[in-house]
């Protein structure tokens, strides 16, 4: 049990080191998701939600809401050449490796101690 707790603590600290500081998103990119309004819309009074929705709809129609309003009709390029996408994939691989490596070491350690049974 001590080994499992120790591995969990080490895994946590290595994951924190690999992740680094959180990246800040620019306001225009964060706006495009709309997740904040959807997530916290139930906490707003009805009239405030409707006013915010009307403001955002008007900003979208004027073209001031989106990060790049003219990019809506352009075909998307190769996502594998986008550095942000590649970085996101690497973050996922780092997190998965931080689970796979300790698990493999623990399995080998248990196999070593219980090889005669």
PDB file of N, CA and C in Angstrom:
ATOM      1  N   UNK A   1       0.830  -1.180   0.000  1.00  0.00           N
ATOM      2  CA  UNK A   1       0.000   0.000   0.000  1.00  0.00           C
ATOM      3  C   UNK A   1       0.887   1.261   0.000  1.00  0.00           C
ATOM      4  N   UNK A   2       1.977   1.207   0.735  1.00  0.00           N
ATOM      5  CA  UNK A   2       2.885   2.351   0.782  1.00  0.00           C
ATOM      6  C   UNK A   2       3.437   2.668  -0.607  1.00  0.00           C
ATOM      7  N   UNK A   3       3.768   1.635  -1.362  1.00  0.00           N
ATOM      8  CA  UNK A   3       4.316   1.833  -2.712  1.00  0.00           C
ATOM      9  C   UNK A   3       3.284   2.487  -3.617  1.00  0.00           C
ATOM     10  N   UNK A   4       2.034   2.072  -3.513  1.00  0.00           N
ATOM     11  CA  UNK A   4       0.987   2.653  -4.357  1.00  0.00           C
ATOM     12  C   UNK A   4       0.789   4.136  -4.042  1.00  0.00           C
ATOM     13  N   UNK A   5       0.791   4.481  -2.755  1.00  0.00           N
ATOM     14  CA  UNK A   5       0.642   5.885  -2.372  1.00  0.00           C
ATOM     15  C   UNK A   5       1.846   6.682  -2.859  1.00  0.00           C
ATOM     16  N   UNK A   6       3.035   6.144  -2.707  1.00  0.00           N
ATOM     17  CA  UNK A   6       4.248   6.818  -3.149  1.00  0.00           C
ATOM     18  C   UNK A   6       4.249   7.033  -4.663  1.00  0.00           C
ATOM     19  N   UNK A   7       3.832   6.026  -5.416  1.00  0.00           N
ATOM     20  CA  UNK A   7       3.759   6.154  -6.880  1.00  0.00           C
ATOM     21  C   UNK A   7       2.737   7.225  -7.262  1.00  0.00           C
ATOM     22  N   UNK A   8       1.606   7.271  -6.557  1.00  0.00           N
ATOM     23  CA  UNK A   8       0.599   8.291  -6.840  1.00  0.00           C
ATOM     24  C   UNK A   8       1.121   9.698  -6.599  1.00  0.00           C
ATOM     25  N   UNK A   9       1.864   9.880  -5.506  1.00  0.00           N
ATOM     26  CA  UNK A   9       2.431  11.200  -5.201  1.00  0.00           C
ATOM     27  C   UNK A   9       3.469  11.589  -6.252  1.00  0.00           C
ATOM     28  N   UNK A  10       4.342  10.669  -6.617  1.00  0.00           N
ATOM     29  CA  UNK A  10       5.361  10.957  -7.631  1.00  0.00           C
ATOM     30  C   UNK A  10       4.698  11.255  -8.974  1.00  0.00           C
ATOM     31  N   UNK A  11       3.681  10.489  -9.339  1.00  0.00           N
ATOM     32  CA  UNK A  11       2.971  10.704 -10.601  1.00  0.00           C
ATOM     33  C   UNK A  11       2.338  12.101 -10.619  1.00  0.00           C
ATOM     34  N   UNK A  12       1.755  12.492  -9.516  1.00  0.00           N
ATOM     35  CA  UNK A  12       1.125  13.816  -9.435  1.00  0.00           C
ATOM     36  C   UNK A  12       2.158  14.926  -9.652  1.00  0.00           C
ATOM     37  N   UNK A  13       3.287  14.824  -8.965  1.00  0.00           N
ATOM     38  CA  UNK A  13       4.291  15.878  -9.072  1.00  0.00           C
ATOM     39  C   UNK A  13       4.936  15.921 -10.455  1.00  0.00           C
ATOM     40  N   UNK A  14       5.151  14.791 -11.071  1.00  0.00           N
ATOM     41  CA  UNK A  14       5.723  14.781 -12.423  1.00  0.00           C
ATOM     42  C   UNK A  14       4.716  15.356 -13.420  1.00  0.00           C
ATOM     43  N   UNK A  15       3.440  15.055 -13.240  1.00  0.00           N
ATOM     44  CA  UNK A  15       2.412  15.605 -14.121  1.00  0.00           C
ATOM     45  C   UNK A  15       2.349  17.120 -13.988  1.00  0.00           C
ATOM     46  N   UNK A  16       2.437  17.625 -12.771  1.00  0.00           N
ATOM     47  CA  UNK A  16       2.437  19.075 -12.562  1.00  0.00           C
ATOM     48  C   UNK A  16       3.654  19.714 -13.241  1.00  0.00           C
ATOM     49  N   UNK A  17       4.810  19.063 -13.153  1.00  0.00           N
ATOM     50  CA  UNK A  17       6.009  19.597 -13.802  1.00  0.00           C
ATOM     51  C   UNK A  17       5.891  19.590 -15.324  1.00  0.00           C
ATOM     52  N   UNK A  18       5.311  18.528 -15.877  1.00  0.00           N
ATOM     53  CA  UNK A  18       5.184  18.439 -17.335  1.00  0.00           C
ATOM     54  C   UNK A  18       4.162  19.417 -17.887  1.00  0.00           C
ATOM     55  N   UNK A  19       3.087  19.668 -17.152  1.00  0.00           N
ATOM     56  CA  UNK A  19       2.043  20.561 -17.649  1.00  0.00           C
ATOM     57  C   UNK A  19       2.510  22.006 -17.696  1.00  0.00           C
ATOM     58  N   UNK A  20       3.282  22.430 -16.736  1.00  0.00           N
ATOM     59  CA  UNK A  20       3.773  23.802 -16.724  1.00  0.00           C
ATOM     60  C   UNK A  20       2.650  24.767 -16.380  1.00  0.00           C
ATOM     61  N   UNK A  21       2.902  26.059 -16.575  1.00  0.00           N
ATOM     62  CA  UNK A  21       1.873  27.058 -16.250  1.00  0.00           C
ATOM     63  C   UNK A  21       0.736  26.995 -17.267  1.00  0.00           C
ATOM     64  N   UNK A  22      -0.472  27.303 -16.838  1.00  0.00           N
ATOM     65  CA  UNK A  22      -1.593  27.279 -17.788  1.00  0.00           C
ATOM     66  C   UNK A  22      -1.456  28.378 -18.833  1.00  0.00           C
ATOM     67  N   UNK A  23      -1.874  28.066 -20.033  1.00  0.00           N
ATOM     68  CA  UNK A  23      -1.805  29.042 -21.109  1.00  0.00           C
ATOM     69  C   UNK A  23      -3.032  29.940 -21.059  1.00  0.00           C
ATOM     70  N   UNK A  24      -2.818  31.217 -21.345  1.00  0.00           N
ATOM     71  CA  UNK A  24      -3.940  32.157 -21.358  1.00  0.00           C
ATOM     72  C   UNK A  24      -4.476  32.260 -22.776  1.00  0.00           C
ATOM     73  N   UNK A  25      -5.791  32.169 -22.881  1.00  0.00           N
ATOM     74  CA  UNK A  25      -6.434  32.310 -24.183  1.00  0.00           C
ATOM     75  C   UNK A  25      -6.801  33.771 -24.390  1.00  0.00           C
ATOM     76  N   UNK A  26      -6.740  34.217 -25.635  1.00  0.00           N
ATOM     77  CA  UNK A  26      -7.160  35.588 -25.881  1.00  0.00           C
ATOM     78  C   UNK A  26      -8.682  35.671 -25.827  1.00  0.00           C
ATOM     79  N   UNK A  27      -9.189  36.860 -25.575  1.00  0.00           N
ATOM     80  CA  UNK A  27     -10.610  37.056 -25.331  1.00  0.00           C
ATOM     81  C   UNK A  27     -11.465  36.638 -26.517  1.00  0.00           C
ATOM     82  N   UNK A  28     -11.022  36.961 -27.724  1.00  0.00           N
ATOM     83  CA  UNK A  28     -11.823  36.631 -28.909  1.00  0.00           C
ATOM     84  C   UNK A  28     -11.946  35.117 -29.092  1.00  0.00           C
ATOM     85  N   UNK A  29     -10.877  34.374 -28.819  1.00  0.00           N
ATOM     86  CA  UNK A  29     -10.941  32.923 -28.943  1.00  0.00           C
ATOM     87  C   UNK A  29     -11.843  32.331 -27.874  1.00  0.00           C
ATOM     88  N   UNK A  30     -11.757  32.867 -26.681  1.00  0.00           N
ATOM     89  CA  UNK A  30     -12.587  32.349 -25.596  1.00  0.00           C
ATOM     90  C   UNK A  30     -14.053  32.645 -25.837  1.00  0.00           C
ATOM     91  N   UNK A  31     -14.347  33.766 -26.481  1.00  0.00           N
ATOM     92  CA  UNK A  31     -15.741  34.116 -26.762  1.00  0.00           C
ATOM     93  C   UNK A  31     -16.413  33.105 -27.681  1.00  0.00           C
ATOM     94  N   UNK A  32     -15.665  32.600 -28.637  1.00  0.00           N
ATOM     95  CA  UNK A  32     -16.249  31.754 -29.667  1.00  0.00           C
ATOM     96  C   UNK A  32     -16.841  30.472 -29.102  1.00  0.00           C
ATOM     97  N   UNK A  33     -16.354  30.027 -27.974  1.00  0.00           N
ATOM     98  CA  UNK A  33     -16.881  28.785 -27.431  1.00  0.00           C
ATOM     99  C   UNK A  33     -18.282  28.965 -26.882  1.00  0.00           C
ATOM    100  N   UNK A  34     -18.553  30.095 -26.221  1.00  0.00           N
ATOM    101  CA  UNK A  34     -19.873  30.315 -25.642  1.00  0.00           C
ATOM    102  C   UNK A  34     -20.154  29.417 -24.462  1.00  0.00           C
ATOM    103  N   UNK A  35     -19.164  28.658 -24.025  1.00  0.00           N
ATOM    104  CA  UNK A  35     -19.379  27.698 -22.943  1.00  0.00           C
ATOM    105  C   UNK A  35     -19.665  28.385 -21.615  1.00  0.00           C
ATOM    106  N   UNK A  36     -19.116  29.557 -21.414  1.00  0.00           N
ATOM    107  CA  UNK A  36     -19.312  30.248 -20.144  1.00  0.00           C
ATOM    108  C   UNK A  36     -20.780  30.623 -19.970  1.00  0.00           C
ATOM    109  N   UNK A  37     -21.371  31.167 -21.012  1.00  0.00           N
ATOM    110  CA  UNK A  37     -22.782  31.547 -20.916  1.00  0.00           C
ATOM    111  C   UNK A  37     -23.670  30.321 -20.748  1.00  0.00           C
ATOM    112  N   UNK A  38     -23.348  29.251 -21.472  1.00  0.00           N
ATOM    113  CA  UNK A  38     -24.158  28.039 -21.334  1.00  0.00           C
ATOM    114  C   UNK A  38     -23.991  27.409 -19.950  1.00  0.00           C
ATOM    115  N   UNK A  39     -22.770  27.421 -19.429  1.00  0.00           N
ATOM    116  CA  UNK A  39     -22.513  26.780 -18.144  1.00  0.00           C
ATOM    117  C   UNK A  39     -23.119  27.554 -16.987  1.00  0.00           C
ATOM    118  N   UNK A  40     -23.078  28.869 -17.057  1.00  0.00           N
ATOM    119  CA  UNK A  40     -23.537  29.679 -15.935  1.00  0.00           C
ATOM    120  C   UNK A  40     -24.854  30.388 -16.228  1.00  0.00           C
ATOM    121  N   UNK A  41     -25.496  30.036 -17.314  1.00  0.00           N
ATOM    122  CA  UNK A  41     -26.760  30.678 -17.663  1.00  0.00           C
ATOM    123  C   UNK A  41     -27.860  30.427 -16.654  1.00  0.00           C
ATOM    124  N   UNK A  42     -27.812  29.302 -15.956  1.00  0.00           N
ATOM    125  CA  UNK A  42     -28.839  28.996 -14.963  1.00  0.00           C
ATOM    126  C   UNK A  42     -28.720  29.839 -13.708  1.00  0.00           C
ATOM    127  N   UNK A  43     -27.572  30.472 -13.492  1.00  0.00           N
ATOM    128  CA  UNK A  43     -27.366  31.298 -12.308  1.00  0.00           C
ATOM    129  C   UNK A  43     -27.833  32.731 -12.519  1.00  0.00           C
ATOM    130  N   UNK A  44     -28.090  33.113 -13.768  1.00  0.00           N
ATOM    131  CA  UNK A  44     -28.512  34.472 -14.075  1.00  0.00           C
ATOM    132  C   UNK A  44     -30.028  34.579 -14.017  1.00  0.00           C
ATOM    133  N   UNK A  45     -30.549  35.732 -13.620  1.00  0.00           N
ATOM    134  CA  UNK A  45     -32.001  35.943 -13.729  1.00  0.00           C
ATOM    135  C   UNK A  45     -32.405  35.917 -15.200  1.00  0.00           C
ATOM    136  N   UNK A  46     -33.633  35.619 -15.481  1.00  0.00           N
ATOM    137  CA  UNK A  46     -34.108  35.482 -16.857  1.00  0.00           C
ATOM    138  C   UNK A  46     -33.882  36.713 -17.707  1.00  0.00           C
ATOM    139  N   UNK A  47     -34.183  37.903 -17.150  1.00  0.00           N
ATOM    140  CA  UNK A  47     -34.021  39.136 -17.936  1.00  0.00           C
ATOM    141  C   UNK A  47     -32.547  39.418 -18.230  1.00  0.00           C
ATOM    142  N   UNK A  48     -31.644  39.086 -17.305  1.00  0.00           N
ATOM    143  CA  UNK A  48     -30.210  39.302 -17.536  1.00  0.00           C
ATOM    144  C   UNK A  48     -29.687  38.347 -18.606  1.00  0.00           C
ATOM    145  N   UNK A  49     -30.163  37.101 -18.564  1.00  0.00           N
ATOM    146  CA  UNK A  49     -29.750  36.133 -19.569  1.00  0.00           C
ATOM    147  C   UNK A  49     -30.214  36.563 -20.950  1.00  0.00           C
ATOM    148  N   UNK A  50     -31.458  37.016 -21.058  1.00  0.00           N
ATOM    149  CA  UNK A  50     -31.987  37.451 -22.357  1.00  0.00           C
ATOM    150  C   UNK A  50     -31.242  38.679 -22.869  1.00  0.00           C
ATOM    151  N   UNK A  51     -30.892  39.615 -21.974  1.00  0.00           N
ATOM    152  CA  UNK A  51     -30.151  40.805 -22.392  1.00  0.00           C
ATOM    153  C   UNK A  51     -28.763  40.413 -22.899  1.00  0.00           C
ATOM    154  N   UNK A  52     -28.101  39.499 -22.194  1.00  0.00           N
ATOM    155  CA  UNK A  52     -26.766  39.058 -22.611  1.00  0.00           C
ATOM    156  C   UNK A  52     -26.840  38.312 -23.938  1.00  0.00           C
ATOM    157  N   UNK A  53     -27.860  37.478 -24.082  1.00  0.00           N
ATOM    158  CA  UNK A  53     -28.037  36.724 -25.326  1.00  0.00           C
ATOM    159  C   UNK A  53     -28.274  37.677 -26.503  1.00  0.00           C
ATOM    160  N   UNK A  54     -29.093  38.725 -26.287  1.00  0.00           N
ATOM    161  CA  UNK A  54     -29.353  39.701 -27.349  1.00  0.00           C
ATOM    162  C   UNK A  54     -28.080  40.454 -27.716  1.00  0.00           C
ATOM    163  N   UNK A  55     -27.282  40.820 -26.709  1.00  0.00           N
ATOM    164  CA  UNK A  55     -26.018  41.527 -26.968  1.00  0.00           C
ATOM    165  C   UNK A  55     -25.062  40.656 -27.782  1.00  0.00           C
ATOM    166  N   UNK A  56     -24.923  39.398 -27.394  1.00  0.00           N
ATOM    167  CA  UNK A  56     -24.008  38.501 -28.101  1.00  0.00           C
ATOM    168  C   UNK A  56     -24.488  38.204 -29.522  1.00  0.00           C
ATOM    169  N   UNK A  57     -25.794  38.074 -29.698  1.00  0.00           N
ATOM    170  CA  UNK A  57     -26.347  37.836 -31.035  1.00  0.00           C
ATOM    171  C   UNK A  57     -26.084  39.032 -31.943  1.00  0.00           C
ATOM    172  N   UNK A  58     -26.279  40.232 -31.398  1.00  0.00           N
ATOM    173  CA  UNK A  58     -26.044  41.450 -32.175  1.00  0.00           C
ATOM    174  C   UNK A  58     -24.558  41.580 -32.539  1.00  0.00           C
ATOM    175  N   UNK A  59     -23.671  41.282 -31.589  1.00  0.00           N
ATOM    176  CA  UNK A  59     -22.235  41.354 -31.859  1.00  0.00           C
ATOM    177  C   UNK A  59     -21.834  40.325 -32.913  1.00  0.00           C
ATOM    178  N   UNK A  60     -22.450  39.160 -32.879  1.00  0.00           N
ATOM    179  CA  UNK A  60     -22.148  38.124 -33.872  1.00  0.00           C
ATOM    180  C   UNK A  60     -22.594  38.565 -35.257  1.00  0.00           C
ATOM    181  N   UNK A  61     -23.770  39.177 -35.349  1.00  0.00           N
ATOM    182  CA  UNK A  61     -24.284  39.606 -36.645  1.00  0.00           C
ATOM    183  C   UNK A  61     -23.464  40.756 -37.232  1.00  0.00           C
ATOM    184  N   UNK A  62     -22.925  41.623 -36.369  1.00  0.00           N
ATOM    185  CA  UNK A  62     -22.082  42.728 -36.848  1.00  0.00           C
ATOM    186  C   UNK A  62     -20.696  42.251 -37.261  1.00  0.00           C
ATOM    187  N   UNK A  63     -20.271  41.118 -36.726  1.00  0.00           N
ATOM    188  CA  UNK A  63     -18.938  40.598 -37.046  1.00  0.00           C
ATOM    189  C   UNK A  63     -17.888  41.010 -36.039  1.00  0.00           C
ATOM    190  N   UNK A  64     -18.284  41.619 -34.921  1.00  0.00           N
ATOM    191  CA  UNK A  64     -17.306  42.026 -33.907  1.00  0.00           C
ATOM    192  C   UNK A  64     -17.092  40.948 -32.864  1.00  0.00           C
ATOM    193  N   UNK A  65     -17.861  39.880 -32.918  1.00  0.00           N
ATOM    194  CA  UNK A  65     -17.797  38.841 -31.892  1.00  0.00           C
ATOM    195  C   UNK A  65     -16.697  37.826 -32.175  1.00  0.00           C
ATOM    196  N   UNK A  66     -16.565  37.423 -33.419  1.00  0.00           N
ATOM    197  CA  UNK A  66     -15.631  36.363 -33.768  1.00  0.00           C
ATOM    198  C   UNK A  66     -14.197  36.868 -33.840  1.00  0.00           C
ATOM    199  N   UNK A  67     -13.270  35.945 -33.633  1.00  0.00           N
ATOM    200  CA  UNK A  67     -11.842  36.258 -33.709  1.00  0.00           C
ATOM    201  C   UNK A  67     -11.484  36.721 -35.111  1.00  0.00           C
ATOM    202  N   UNK A  68     -11.921  35.987 -36.108  1.00  0.00           N
ATOM    203  CA  UNK A  68     -11.661  36.321 -37.508  1.00  0.00           C
ATOM    204  C   UNK A  68     -12.950  36.093 -38.275  1.00  0.00           C
ATOM    205  N   UNK A  69     -13.807  37.130 -38.397  1.00  0.00           N
ATOM    206  CA  UNK A  69     -15.134  36.920 -38.992  1.00  0.00           C
ATOM    207  C   UNK A  69     -15.105  36.444 -40.436  1.00  0.00           C
ATOM    208  N   UNK A  70     -14.058  36.774 -41.191  1.00  0.00           N
ATOM    209  CA  UNK A  70     -14.004  36.378 -42.603  1.00  0.00           C
ATOM    210  C   UNK A  70     -13.561  34.930 -42.778  1.00  0.00           C
ATOM    211  N   UNK A  71     -13.078  34.301 -41.721  1.00  0.00           N
ATOM    212  CA  UNK A  71     -12.577  32.929 -41.835  1.00  0.00           C
ATOM    213  C   UNK A  71     -13.697  31.901 -41.830  1.00  0.00           C
ATOM    214  N   UNK A  72     -14.927  32.330 -41.619  1.00  0.00           N
ATOM    215  CA  UNK A  72     -16.040  31.389 -41.537  1.00  0.00           C
ATOM    216  C   UNK A  72     -16.273  30.603 -42.817  1.00  0.00           C
ATOM    217  N   UNK A  73     -16.035  31.217 -43.976  1.00  0.00           N
ATOM    218  CA  UNK A  73     -16.287  30.552 -45.256  1.00  0.00           C
ATOM    219  C   UNK A  73     -15.048  29.898 -45.843  1.00  0.00           C
ATOM    220  N   UNK A  74     -13.886  30.114 -45.240  1.00  0.00           N
ATOM    221  CA  UNK A  74     -12.657  29.541 -45.778  1.00  0.00           C
ATOM    222  C   UNK A  74     -12.568  28.056 -45.435  1.00  0.00           C
ATOM    223  N   UNK A  75     -12.030  27.262 -46.344  1.00  0.00           N
ATOM    224  CA  UNK A  75     -11.823  25.852 -45.989  1.00  0.00           C
ATOM    225  C   UNK A  75     -10.704  25.734 -44.952  1.00  0.00           C
ATOM    226  N   UNK A  76     -10.851  24.774 -44.078  1.00  0.00           N
ATOM    227  CA  UNK A  76      -9.831  24.554 -43.039  1.00  0.00           C
ATOM    228  C   UNK A  76      -8.585  23.953 -43.671  1.00  0.00           C
ATOM    229  N   UNK A  77      -7.425  24.337 -43.137  1.00  0.00           N
ATOM    230  CA  UNK A  77      -6.162  23.787 -43.617  1.00  0.00           C
ATOM    231  C   UNK A  77      -5.893  22.445 -42.952  1.00  0.00           C
ATOM    232  N   UNK A  78      -4.713  21.961 -43.124  1.00  0.00           N
ATOM    233  CA  UNK A  78      -4.307  20.705 -42.513  1.00  0.00           C
ATOM    234  C   UNK A  78      -4.092  20.932 -41.018  1.00  0.00           C
ATOM    235  N   UNK A  79      -4.892  20.276 -40.184  1.00  0.00           N
ATOM    236  CA  UNK A  79      -4.791  20.488 -38.736  1.00  0.00           C
ATOM    237  C   UNK A  79      -3.492  19.935 -38.180  1.00  0.00           C
ATOM    238  N   UNK A  80      -2.862  19.013 -38.856  1.00  0.00           N
ATOM    239  CA  UNK A  80      -1.610  18.454 -38.366  1.00  0.00           C
ATOM    240  C   UNK A  80      -0.467  19.469 -38.469  1.00  0.00           C
ATOM    241  N   UNK A  81      -0.636  20.533 -39.247  1.00  0.00           N
ATOM    242  CA  UNK A  81       0.378  21.570 -39.355  1.00  0.00           C
ATOM    243  C   UNK A  81       0.109  22.728 -38.406  1.00  0.00           C
ATOM    244  N   UNK A  82      -1.001  22.689 -37.699  1.00  0.00           N
ATOM    245  CA  UNK A  82      -1.332  23.735 -36.732  1.00  0.00           C
ATOM    246  C   UNK A  82      -0.571  23.462 -35.439  1.00  0.00           C
ATOM    247  N   UNK A  83       0.305  24.365 -34.998  1.00  0.00           N
ATOM    248  CA  UNK A  83       1.107  24.115 -33.796  1.00  0.00           C
ATOM    249  C   UNK A  83       0.256  23.927 -32.538  1.00  0.00           C
ATOM    250  N   UNK A  84      -0.863  24.625 -32.443  1.00  0.00           N
ATOM    251  CA  UNK A  84      -1.717  24.492 -31.259  1.00  0.00           C
ATOM    252  C   UNK A  84      -2.312  23.092 -31.189  1.00  0.00           C
ATOM    253  N   UNK A  85      -2.690  22.546 -32.332  1.00  0.00           N
ATOM    254  CA  UNK A  85      -3.276  21.197 -32.355  1.00  0.00           C
ATOM    255  C   UNK A  85      -2.230  20.143 -32.000  1.00  0.00           C
ATOM    256  N   UNK A  86      -1.028  20.308 -32.543  1.00  0.00           N
ATOM    257  CA  UNK A  86       0.046  19.353 -32.254  1.00  0.00           C
ATOM    258  C   UNK A  86       0.410  19.412 -30.771  1.00  0.00           C
ATOM    259  N   UNK A  87       0.441  20.608 -30.202  1.00  0.00           N
ATOM    260  CA  UNK A  87       0.747  20.761 -28.775  1.00  0.00           C
ATOM    261  C   UNK A  87      -0.330  20.102 -27.913  1.00  0.00           C
ATOM    262  N   UNK A  88      -1.568  20.210 -28.320  1.00  0.00           N
ATOM    263  CA  UNK A  88      -2.659  19.572 -27.583  1.00  0.00           C
ATOM    264  C   UNK A  88      -2.525  18.053 -27.628  1.00  0.00           C
ATOM    265  N   UNK A  89      -2.151  17.521 -28.789  1.00  0.00           N
ATOM    266  CA  UNK A  89      -1.942  16.075 -28.892  1.00  0.00           C
ATOM    267  C   UNK A  89      -0.785  15.628 -28.011  1.00  0.00           C
ATOM    268  N   UNK A  90       0.285  16.393 -27.975  1.00  0.00           N
ATOM    269  CA  UNK A  90       1.435  16.032 -27.150  1.00  0.00           C
ATOM    270  C   UNK A  90       1.081  16.078 -25.663  1.00  0.00           C
ATOM    271  N   UNK A  91       0.247  17.026 -25.259  1.00  0.00           N
ATOM    272  CA  UNK A  91      -0.177  17.081 -23.860  1.00  0.00           C
ATOM    273  C   UNK A  91      -0.933  15.816 -23.487  1.00  0.00           C
ATOM    274  N   UNK A  92      -1.804  15.362 -24.375  1.00  0.00           N
ATOM    275  CA  UNK A  92      -2.533  14.129 -24.105  1.00  0.00           C
ATOM    276  C   UNK A  92      -1.608  12.925 -24.015  1.00  0.00           C
ATOM    277  N   UNK A  93      -0.605  12.873 -24.882  1.00  0.00           N
ATOM    278  CA  UNK A  93       0.346  11.755 -24.844  1.00  0.00           C
ATOM    279  C   UNK A  93       1.170  11.780 -23.568  1.00  0.00           C
ATOM    280  N   UNK A  94       1.571  12.981 -23.112  1.00  0.00           N
ATOM    281  CA  UNK A  94       2.336  13.082 -21.867  1.00  0.00           C
ATOM    282  C   UNK A  94       1.521  12.574 -20.684  1.00  0.00           C
ATOM    283  N   UNK A  95       0.258  12.962 -20.646  1.00  0.00           N
ATOM    284  CA  UNK A  95      -0.600  12.530 -19.530  1.00  0.00           C
ATOM    285  C   UNK A  95      -0.804  11.018 -19.556  1.00  0.00           C
ATOM    286  N   UNK A  96      -0.975  10.444 -20.738  1.00  0.00           N
ATOM    287  CA  UNK A  96      -1.139   8.996 -20.828  1.00  0.00           C
ATOM    288  C   UNK A  96       0.135   8.262 -20.432  1.00  0.00           C
ATOM    289  N   UNK A  97       1.282   8.786 -20.823  1.00  0.00           N
ATOM    290  CA  UNK A  97       2.542   8.143 -20.458  1.00  0.00           C
ATOM    291  C   UNK A  97       2.781   8.198 -18.950  1.00  0.00           C
ATOM    292  N   UNK A  98       2.293   9.238 -18.308  1.00  0.00           N
ATOM    293  CA  UNK A  98       2.450   9.337 -16.863  1.00  0.00           C
ATOM    294  C   UNK A  98       1.584   8.301 -16.146  1.00  0.00           C
ATOM    295  N   UNK A  99       0.648   7.692 -16.830  1.00  0.00           N
ATOM    296  CA  UNK A  99      -0.119   6.586 -16.259  1.00  0.00           C
ATOM    297  C   UNK A  99       0.470   5.238 -16.647  1.00  0.00           C
ATOM    298  N   UNK A 100       0.955   5.122 -17.870  1.00  0.00           N
ATOM    299  CA  UNK A 100       1.435   3.841 -18.375  1.00  0.00           C
ATOM    300  C   UNK A 100       2.772   3.439 -17.740  1.00  0.00           C
ATOM    301  N   UNK A 101       3.709   4.376 -17.654  1.00  0.00           N
ATOM    302  CA  UNK A 101       5.051   4.046 -17.156  1.00  0.00           C
ATOM    303  C   UNK A 101       5.023   3.551 -15.709  1.00  0.00           C
ATOM    304  N   UNK A 102       4.391   4.254 -14.762  1.00  0.00           N
ATOM    305  CA  UNK A 102       4.373   3.735 -13.387  1.00  0.00           C
ATOM    306  C   UNK A 102       3.626   2.403 -13.277  1.00  0.00           C
ATOM    307  N   UNK A 103       2.579   2.247 -14.060  1.00  0.00           N
ATOM    308  CA  UNK A 103       1.830   0.993 -14.011  1.00  0.00           C
ATOM    309  C   UNK A 103       2.705  -0.171 -14.495  1.00  0.00           C
ATOM    310  N   UNK A 104       3.483   0.040 -15.526  1.00  0.00           N
ATOM    311  CA  UNK A 104       4.375  -0.996 -16.033  1.00  0.00           C
ATOM    312  C   UNK A 104       5.455  -1.342 -15.011  1.00  0.00           C
ATOM    313  N   UNK A 105       6.006  -0.324 -14.354  1.00  0.00           N
ATOM    314  CA  UNK A 105       7.032  -0.565 -13.335  1.00  0.00           C
ATOM    315  C   UNK A 105       6.449  -1.351 -12.161  1.00  0.00           C
ATOM    316  N   UNK A 106       5.248  -0.995 -11.741  1.00  0.00           N
ATOM    317  CA  UNK A 106       4.614  -1.708 -10.620  1.00  0.00           C
ATOM    318  C   UNK A 106       4.331  -3.153 -11.005  1.00  0.00           C
ATOM    319  N   UNK A 107       3.876  -3.386 -12.221  1.00  0.00           N
ATOM    320  CA  UNK A 107       3.612  -4.768 -12.648  1.00  0.00           C
ATOM    321  C   UNK A 107       4.904  -5.589 -12.672  1.00  0.00           C
ATOM    322  N   UNK A 108       5.981  -4.999 -13.152  1.00  0.00           N
ATOM    323  CA  UNK A 108       7.265  -5.709 -13.145  1.00  0.00           C
ATOM    324  C   UNK A 108       7.757  -5.979 -11.733  1.00  0.00           C
ATOM    325  N   UNK A 109       7.571  -5.026 -10.839  1.00  0.00           N
ATOM    326  CA  UNK A 109       7.974  -5.168  -9.443  1.00  0.00           C
ATOM    327  C   UNK A 109       7.188  -6.290  -8.762  1.00  0.00           C
ATOM    328  N   UNK A 110       5.881  -6.350  -9.006  1.00  0.00           N
ATOM    329  CA  UNK A 110       5.042  -7.416  -8.430  1.00  0.00           C
ATOM    330  C   UNK A 110       5.416  -8.749  -9.030  1.00  0.00           C
ATOM    331  N   UNK A 111       5.696  -8.803 -10.301  1.00  0.00           N
ATOM    332  CA  UNK A 111       6.089 -10.032 -10.955  1.00  0.00           C
ATOM    333  C   UNK A 111       7.400 -10.538 -10.381  1.00  0.00           C
ATOM    334  N   UNK A 112       8.327  -9.645 -10.067  1.00  0.00           N
ATOM    335  CA  UNK A 112       9.613 -10.022  -9.488  1.00  0.00           C
ATOM    336  C   UNK A 112       9.422 -10.659  -8.112  1.00  0.00           C
ATOM    337  N   UNK A 113       8.595 -10.051  -7.276  1.00  0.00           N
ATOM    338  CA  UNK A 113       8.418 -10.563  -5.915  1.00  0.00           C
ATOM    339  C   UNK A 113       7.552 -11.810  -5.832  1.00  0.00           C
ATOM    340  N   UNK A 114       6.618 -11.967  -6.748  1.00  0.00           N
ATOM    341  CA  UNK A 114       5.717 -13.115  -6.687  1.00  0.00           C
ATOM    342  C   UNK A 114       5.971 -14.099  -7.822  1.00  0.00           C
ATOM    343  N   UNK A 115       7.183 -14.178  -8.330  1.00  0.00           N
ATOM    344  CA  UNK A 115       7.491 -15.043  -9.464  1.00  0.00           C
ATOM    345  C   UNK A 115       7.439 -16.539  -9.099  1.00  0.00           C
ATOM    346  N   UNK A 116       7.615 -16.882  -7.845  1.00  0.00           N
ATOM    347  CA  UNK A 116       7.634 -18.291  -7.464  1.00  0.00           C
ATOM    348  C   UNK A 116       6.248 -18.895  -7.217  1.00  0.00           C
ATOM    349  N   UNK A 117       5.207 -18.100  -7.257  1.00  0.00           N
ATOM    350  CA  UNK A 117       3.860 -18.623  -6.925  1.00  0.00           C
ATOM    351  C   UNK A 117       3.095 -19.021  -8.156  1.00  0.00           C
TER     352      UNK A 117
END
